[in-house]
Amino acid sequence: MMRRQDAAPFVPYWMMLADSREIAIDHPDFASISEEEESVTVYDLSGGVEVVDLTLVVSLQYGGRFAVKRK
């Protein structure tokens, strides 16, 4: 995940979680990975914050249908 977050140029992606939720990361400033790489803090445009345990991330998806998908 760290490489995806630091990609230049940044490409938006989706984190797919074990509970079937999908979290969009539209900009590198919207996610912060803990120093221990155990969790990621995700921010949204409404001011919301979610902390996700990285062991719950089952895949990262980008491009294709994920490039235009919005909730």
PDB file of N, CA and C in Angstrom:
ATOM      1  N   MET A   1       0.816  -1.189   0.000  1.00  0.00           N
ATOM      2  CA  MET A   1       0.000   0.000   0.000  1.00  0.00           C
ATOM      3  C   MET A   1       0.859   1.253   0.000  1.00  0.00           C
ATOM      4  N   MET A   2       1.969   1.217   0.696  1.00  0.00           N
ATOM      5  CA  MET A   2       2.839   2.385   0.785  1.00  0.00           C
ATOM      6  C   MET A   2       3.297   2.825  -0.602  1.00  0.00           C
ATOM      7  N   ARG A   3       3.658   1.888  -1.464  1.00  0.00           N
ATOM      8  CA  ARG A   3       4.093   2.255  -2.819  1.00  0.00           C
ATOM      9  C   ARG A   3       2.974   2.911  -3.610  1.00  0.00           C
ATOM     10  N   ARG A   4       1.742   2.430  -3.472  1.00  0.00           N
ATOM     11  CA  ARG A   4       0.590   3.010  -4.178  1.00  0.00           C
ATOM     12  C   ARG A   4       0.365   4.429  -3.696  1.00  0.00           C
ATOM     13  N   GLN A   5       0.491   4.656  -2.398  1.00  0.00           N
ATOM     14  CA  GLN A   5       0.263   5.977  -1.807  1.00  0.00           C
ATOM     15  C   GLN A   5       1.319   6.983  -2.254  1.00  0.00           C
ATOM     16  N   ASP A   6       2.540   6.530  -2.472  1.00  0.00           N
ATOM     17  CA  ASP A   6       3.642   7.422  -2.837  1.00  0.00           C
ATOM     18  C   ASP A   6       3.903   7.480  -4.336  1.00  0.00           C
ATOM     19  N   ALA A   7       3.059   6.862  -5.145  1.00  0.00           N
ATOM     20  CA  ALA A   7       3.278   6.827  -6.596  1.00  0.00           C
ATOM     21  C   ALA A   7       3.310   8.239  -7.173  1.00  0.00           C
ATOM     22  N   ALA A   8       4.166   8.429  -8.142  1.00  0.00           N
ATOM     23  CA  ALA A   8       4.247   9.728  -8.836  1.00  0.00           C
ATOM     24  C   ALA A   8       4.174   9.475 -10.330  1.00  0.00           C
ATOM     25  N   PRO A   9       3.149   9.916 -11.014  1.00  0.00           N
ATOM     26  CA  PRO A   9       2.028  10.665 -10.458  1.00  0.00           C
ATOM     27  C   PRO A   9       1.087   9.739  -9.686  1.00  0.00           C
ATOM     28  N   PHE A  10       0.379  10.326  -8.738  1.00  0.00           N
ATOM     29  CA  PHE A  10      -0.570   9.575  -7.919  1.00  0.00           C
ATOM     30  C   PHE A  10      -1.751   9.141  -8.783  1.00  0.00           C
ATOM     31  N   VAL A  11      -2.188   7.895  -8.601  1.00  0.00           N
ATOM     32  CA  VAL A  11      -3.361   7.368  -9.291  1.00  0.00           C
ATOM     33  C   VAL A  11      -4.395   7.012  -8.231  1.00  0.00           C
ATOM     34  N   PRO A  12      -5.603   7.611  -8.270  1.00  0.00           N
ATOM     35  CA  PRO A  12      -6.635   7.271  -7.284  1.00  0.00           C
ATOM     36  C   PRO A  12      -6.896   5.762  -7.268  1.00  0.00           C
ATOM     37  N   TYR A  13      -7.244   5.251  -6.085  1.00  0.00           N
ATOM     38  CA  TYR A  13      -7.492   3.817  -5.961  1.00  0.00           C
ATOM     39  C   TYR A  13      -8.551   3.562  -4.905  1.00  0.00           C
ATOM     40  N   TRP A  14      -8.988   2.314  -4.823  1.00  0.00           N
ATOM     41  CA  TRP A  14      -9.984   1.872  -3.857  1.00  0.00           C
ATOM     42  C   TRP A  14      -9.376   0.802  -2.970  1.00  0.00           C
ATOM     43  N   MET A  15      -9.614   0.906  -1.659  1.00  0.00           N
ATOM     44  CA  MET A  15      -9.252  -0.162  -0.735  1.00  0.00           C
ATOM     45  C   MET A  15     -10.489  -1.035  -0.570  1.00  0.00           C
ATOM     46  N   MET A  16     -10.356  -2.318  -0.839  1.00  0.00           N
ATOM     47  CA  MET A  16     -11.435  -3.268  -0.670  1.00  0.00           C
ATOM     48  C   MET A  16     -11.208  -3.955   0.679  1.00  0.00           C
ATOM     49  N   LEU A  17     -12.206  -3.872   1.572  1.00  0.00           N
ATOM     50  CA  LEU A  17     -12.067  -4.402   2.923  1.00  0.00           C
ATOM     51  C   LEU A  17     -12.730  -5.767   3.078  1.00  0.00           C
ATOM     52  N   ALA A  18     -12.322  -6.491   4.104  1.00  0.00           N
ATOM     53  CA  ALA A  18     -12.839  -7.837   4.350  1.00  0.00           C
ATOM     54  C   ALA A  18     -14.348  -7.856   4.573  1.00  0.00           C
ATOM     55  N   ASP A  19     -14.923  -6.741   5.044  1.00  0.00           N
ATOM     56  CA  ASP A  19     -16.370  -6.693   5.279  1.00  0.00           C
ATOM     57  C   ASP A  19     -17.145  -6.195   4.053  1.00  0.00           C
ATOM     58  N   SER A  20     -16.500  -6.213   2.890  1.00  0.00           N
ATOM     59  CA  SER A  20     -17.079  -5.843   1.589  1.00  0.00           C
ATOM     60  C   SER A  20     -17.206  -4.337   1.360  1.00  0.00           C
ATOM     61  N   ARG A  21     -16.745  -3.523   2.302  1.00  0.00           N
ATOM     62  CA  ARG A  21     -16.768  -2.074   2.062  1.00  0.00           C
ATOM     63  C   ARG A  21     -15.656  -1.693   1.101  1.00  0.00           C
ATOM     64  N   GLU A  22     -15.858  -0.587   0.414  1.00  0.00           N
ATOM     65  CA  GLU A  22     -14.868  -0.037  -0.509  1.00  0.00           C
ATOM     66  C   GLU A  22     -14.614   1.409  -0.096  1.00  0.00           C
ATOM     67  N   ILE A  23     -13.344   1.757   0.070  1.00  0.00           N
ATOM     68  CA  ILE A  23     -12.998   3.112   0.485  1.00  0.00           C
ATOM     69  C   ILE A  23     -12.158   3.746  -0.612  1.00  0.00           C
ATOM     70  N   ALA A  24     -12.622   4.883  -1.121  1.00  0.00           N
ATOM     71  CA  ALA A  24     -11.916   5.598  -2.184  1.00  0.00           C
ATOM     72  C   ALA A  24     -10.792   6.440  -1.602  1.00  0.00           C
ATOM     73  N   ILE A  25      -9.641   6.382  -2.258  1.00  0.00           N
ATOM     74  CA  ILE A  25      -8.529   7.262  -1.939  1.00  0.00           C
ATOM     75  C   ILE A  25      -8.289   8.079  -3.211  1.00  0.00           C
ATOM     76  N   ASP A  26      -8.856   9.292  -3.235  1.00  0.00           N
ATOM     77  CA  ASP A  26      -8.822  10.117  -4.438  1.00  0.00           C
ATOM     78  C   ASP A  26      -7.597  11.022  -4.542  1.00  0.00           C
ATOM     79  N   HIS A  27      -6.878  11.185  -3.447  1.00  0.00           N
ATOM     80  CA  HIS A  27      -5.722  12.086  -3.429  1.00  0.00           C
ATOM     81  C   HIS A  27      -4.765  11.589  -2.355  1.00  0.00           C
ATOM     82  N   PRO A  28      -3.459  11.726  -2.556  1.00  0.00           N
ATOM     83  CA  PRO A  28      -2.525  11.198  -1.553  1.00  0.00           C
ATOM     84  C   PRO A  28      -2.670  11.849  -0.182  1.00  0.00           C
ATOM     85  N   ASP A  29      -3.197  13.067  -0.122  1.00  0.00           N
ATOM     86  CA  ASP A  29      -3.390  13.733   1.163  1.00  0.00           C
ATOM     87  C   ASP A  29      -4.582  13.181   1.931  1.00  0.00           C
ATOM     88  N   PHE A  30      -5.404  12.331   1.313  1.00  0.00           N
ATOM     89  CA  PHE A  30      -6.603  11.803   1.954  1.00  0.00           C
ATOM     90  C   PHE A  30      -6.340  10.532   2.751  1.00  0.00           C
ATOM     91  N   ALA A  31      -5.109  10.043   2.760  1.00  0.00           N
ATOM     92  CA  ALA A  31      -4.780   8.830   3.513  1.00  0.00           C
ATOM     93  C   ALA A  31      -3.410   8.974   4.145  1.00  0.00           C
ATOM     94  N   SER A  32      -3.299   8.492   5.357  1.00  0.00           N
ATOM     95  CA  SER A  32      -2.040   8.540   6.088  1.00  0.00           C
ATOM     96  C   SER A  32      -1.799   7.178   6.721  1.00  0.00           C
ATOM     97  N   ILE A  33      -0.671   6.565   6.393  1.00  0.00           N
ATOM     98  CA  ILE A  33      -0.341   5.235   6.905  1.00  0.00           C
ATOM     99  C   ILE A  33       0.484   5.395   8.180  1.00  0.00           C
ATOM    100  N   SER A  34       0.139   4.633   9.227  1.00  0.00           N
ATOM    101  CA  SER A  34       0.846   4.729  10.502  1.00  0.00           C
ATOM    102  C   SER A  34       2.310   4.330  10.326  1.00  0.00           C
ATOM    103  N   GLU A  35       3.142   4.831  11.228  1.00  0.00           N
ATOM    104  CA  GLU A  35       4.572   4.530  11.175  1.00  0.00           C
ATOM    105  C   GLU A  35       4.833   3.033  11.210  1.00  0.00           C
ATOM    106  N   GLU A  36       4.041   2.319  11.963  1.00  0.00           N
ATOM    107  CA  GLU A  36       4.209   0.866  12.093  1.00  0.00           C
ATOM    108  C   GLU A  36       3.582   0.111  10.927  1.00  0.00           C
ATOM    109  N   GLU A  37       2.921   0.846  10.023  1.00  0.00           N
ATOM    110  CA  GLU A  37       2.209   0.280   8.877  1.00  0.00           C
ATOM    111  C   GLU A  37       1.158  -0.736   9.323  1.00  0.00           C
ATOM    112  N   GLU A  38       0.480  -0.427  10.444  1.00  0.00           N
ATOM    113  CA  GLU A  38      -0.578  -1.292  10.961  1.00  0.00           C
ATOM    114  C   GLU A  38      -1.963  -0.759  10.645  1.00  0.00           C
ATOM    115  N   SER A  39      -2.055   0.553  10.389  1.00  0.00           N
ATOM    116  CA  SER A  39      -3.351   1.156  10.116  1.00  0.00           C
ATOM    117  C   SER A  39      -3.200   2.299   9.120  1.00  0.00           C
ATOM    118  N   VAL A  40      -4.325   2.647   8.515  1.00  0.00           N
ATOM    119  CA  VAL A  40      -4.370   3.795   7.617  1.00  0.00           C
ATOM    120  C   VAL A  40      -5.519   4.677   8.065  1.00  0.00           C
ATOM    121  N   THR A  41      -5.261   5.967   8.154  1.00  0.00           N
ATOM    122  CA  THR A  41      -6.296   6.941   8.475  1.00  0.00           C
ATOM    123  C   THR A  41      -6.744   7.565   7.163  1.00  0.00           C
ATOM    124  N   VAL A  42      -8.053   7.490   6.900  1.00  0.00           N
ATOM    125  CA  VAL A  42      -8.613   7.984   5.644  1.00  0.00           C
ATOM    126  C   VAL A  42      -9.521   9.175   5.952  1.00  0.00           C
ATOM    127  N   TYR A  43      -9.313  10.263   5.232  1.00  0.00           N
ATOM    128  CA  TYR A  43     -10.094  11.484   5.398  1.00  0.00           C
ATOM    129  C   TYR A  43     -11.008  11.647   4.190  1.00  0.00           C
ATOM    130  N   ASP A  44     -12.200  12.243   4.404  1.00  0.00           N
ATOM    131  CA  ASP A  44     -13.067  12.518   3.263  1.00  0.00           C
ATOM    132  C   ASP A  44     -13.374  14.017   3.195  1.00  0.00           C
ATOM    133  N   LEU A  45     -14.006  14.425   2.113  1.00  0.00           N
ATOM    134  CA  LEU A  45     -14.258  15.846   1.883  1.00  0.00           C
ATOM    135  C   LEU A  45     -15.229  16.456   2.880  1.00  0.00           C
ATOM    136  N   SER A  46     -16.028  15.638   3.562  1.00  0.00           N
ATOM    137  CA  SER A  46     -16.993  16.161   4.527  1.00  0.00           C
ATOM    138  C   SER A  46     -16.366  16.394   5.900  1.00  0.00           C
ATOM    139  N   GLY A  47     -15.082  16.055   6.035  1.00  0.00           N
ATOM    140  CA  GLY A  47     -14.408  16.192   7.318  1.00  0.00           C
ATOM    141  C   GLY A  47     -14.399  14.918   8.121  1.00  0.00           C
ATOM    142  N   GLY A  48     -14.978  13.866   7.568  1.00  0.00           N
ATOM    143  CA  GLY A  48     -14.997  12.569   8.240  1.00  0.00           C
ATOM    144  C   GLY A  48     -13.628  11.910   8.231  1.00  0.00           C
ATOM    145  N   VAL A  49     -13.394  11.077   9.230  1.00  0.00           N
ATOM    146  CA  VAL A  49     -12.133  10.350   9.373  1.00  0.00           C
ATOM    147  C   VAL A  49     -12.458   8.907   9.718  1.00  0.00           C
ATOM    148  N   GLU A  50     -11.746   7.987   9.094  1.00  0.00           N
ATOM    149  CA  GLU A  50     -11.892   6.571   9.427  1.00  0.00           C
ATOM    150  C   GLU A  50     -10.504   5.968   9.561  1.00  0.00           C
ATOM    151  N   VAL A  51     -10.287   5.217  10.628  1.00  0.00           N
ATOM    152  CA  VAL A  51      -9.027   4.509  10.834  1.00  0.00           C
ATOM    153  C   VAL A  51      -9.281   3.041  10.513  1.00  0.00           C
ATOM    154  N   VAL A  52      -8.499   2.505   9.580  1.00  0.00           N
ATOM    155  CA  VAL A  52      -8.695   1.136   9.107  1.00  0.00           C
ATOM    156  C   VAL A  52      -7.472   0.300   9.472  1.00  0.00           C
ATOM    157  N   ASP A  53      -7.711  -0.840  10.083  1.00  0.00           N
ATOM    158  CA  ASP A  53      -6.653  -1.807  10.363  1.00  0.00           C
ATOM    159  C   ASP A  53      -6.222  -2.407   9.025  1.00  0.00           C
ATOM    160  N   LEU A  54      -4.943  -2.327   8.704  1.00  0.00           N
ATOM    161  CA  LEU A  54      -4.485  -2.796   7.392  1.00  0.00           C
ATOM    162  C   LEU A  54      -4.639  -4.299   7.206  1.00  0.00           C
ATOM    163  N   THR A  55      -4.814  -5.066   8.283  1.00  0.00           N
ATOM    164  CA  THR A  55      -5.055  -6.503   8.103  1.00  0.00           C
ATOM    165  C   THR A  55      -6.439  -6.762   7.516  1.00  0.00           C
ATOM    166  N   LEU A  56      -7.317  -5.742   7.508  1.00  0.00           N
ATOM    167  CA  LEU A  56      -8.661  -5.883   6.937  1.00  0.00           C
ATOM    168  C   LEU A  56      -8.726  -5.510   5.456  1.00  0.00           C
ATOM    169  N   VAL A  57      -7.636  -4.994   4.914  1.00  0.00           N
ATOM    170  CA  VAL A  57      -7.597  -4.630   3.488  1.00  0.00           C
ATOM    171  C   VAL A  57      -7.270  -5.890   2.697  1.00  0.00           C
ATOM    172  N   VAL A  58      -8.207  -6.307   1.837  1.00  0.00           N
ATOM    173  CA  VAL A  58      -7.998  -7.527   1.067  1.00  0.00           C
ATOM    174  C   VAL A  58      -7.428  -7.253  -0.323  1.00  0.00           C
ATOM    175  N   SER A  59      -7.657  -6.041  -0.847  1.00  0.00           N
ATOM    176  CA  SER A  59      -7.051  -5.698  -2.136  1.00  0.00           C
ATOM    177  C   SER A  59      -7.105  -4.198  -2.358  1.00  0.00           C
ATOM    178  N   LEU A  60      -6.262  -3.747  -3.276  1.00  0.00           N
ATOM    179  CA  LEU A  60      -6.272  -2.373  -3.761  1.00  0.00           C
ATOM    180  C   LEU A  60      -6.619  -2.443  -5.232  1.00  0.00           C
ATOM    181  N   GLN A  61      -7.547  -1.601  -5.678  1.00  0.00           N
ATOM    182  CA  GLN A  61      -7.951  -1.641  -7.078  1.00  0.00           C
ATOM    183  C   GLN A  61      -7.915  -0.229  -7.641  1.00  0.00           C
ATOM    184  N   TYR A  62      -7.435  -0.127  -8.872  1.00  0.00           N
ATOM    185  CA  TYR A  62      -7.345   1.171  -9.520  1.00  0.00           C
ATOM    186  C   TYR A  62      -7.477   0.989 -11.012  1.00  0.00           C
ATOM    187  N   GLY A  63      -7.825   2.098 -11.685  1.00  0.00           N
ATOM    188  CA  GLY A  63      -8.022   2.047 -13.129  1.00  0.00           C
ATOM    189  C   GLY A  63      -9.331   1.366 -13.482  1.00  0.00           C
ATOM    190  N   GLY A  64      -9.605   1.235 -14.763  1.00  0.00           N
ATOM    191  CA  GLY A  64     -10.808   0.557 -15.223  1.00  0.00           C
ATOM    192  C   GLY A  64     -12.064   1.154 -14.630  1.00  0.00           C
ATOM    193  N   ARG A  65     -12.980   0.301 -14.177  1.00  0.00           N
ATOM    194  CA  ARG A  65     -14.247   0.772 -13.632  1.00  0.00           C
ATOM    195  C   ARG A  65     -14.056   1.565 -12.351  1.00  0.00           C
ATOM    196  N   PHE A  66     -12.938   1.387 -11.662  1.00  0.00           N
ATOM    197  CA  PHE A  66     -12.688   2.103 -10.422  1.00  0.00           C
ATOM    198  C   PHE A  66     -12.263   3.544 -10.675  1.00  0.00           C
ATOM    199  N   ALA A  67     -11.819   3.841 -11.873  1.00  0.00           N
ATOM    200  CA  ALA A  67     -11.387   5.198 -12.192  1.00  0.00           C
ATOM    201  C   ALA A  67     -12.579   6.156 -12.252  1.00  0.00           C
ATOM    202  N   VAL A  68     -13.779   5.653 -12.559  1.00  0.00           N
ATOM    203  CA  VAL A  68     -14.948   6.520 -12.705  1.00  0.00           C
ATOM    204  C   VAL A  68     -16.002   6.253 -11.643  1.00  0.00           C
ATOM    205  N   LYS A  69     -15.823   5.263 -10.816  1.00  0.00           N
ATOM    206  CA  LYS A  69     -16.828   4.879  -9.816  1.00  0.00           C
ATOM    207  C   LYS A  69     -16.822   5.890  -8.667  1.00  0.00           C
ATOM    208  N   ARG A  70     -17.987   6.350  -8.263  1.00  0.00           N
ATOM    209  CA  ARG A  70     -18.121   7.266  -7.131  1.00  0.00           C
ATOM    210  C   ARG A  70     -19.349   6.869  -6.333  1.00  0.00           C
ATOM    211  N   LYS A  71     -19.294   7.059  -5.017  1.00  0.00           N
ATOM    212  CA  LYS A  71     -20.446   6.763  -4.149  1.00  0.00           C
ATOM    213  C   LYS A  71     -21.018   8.047  -3.638  1.00  0.00           C
TER     214      LYS A  71
END
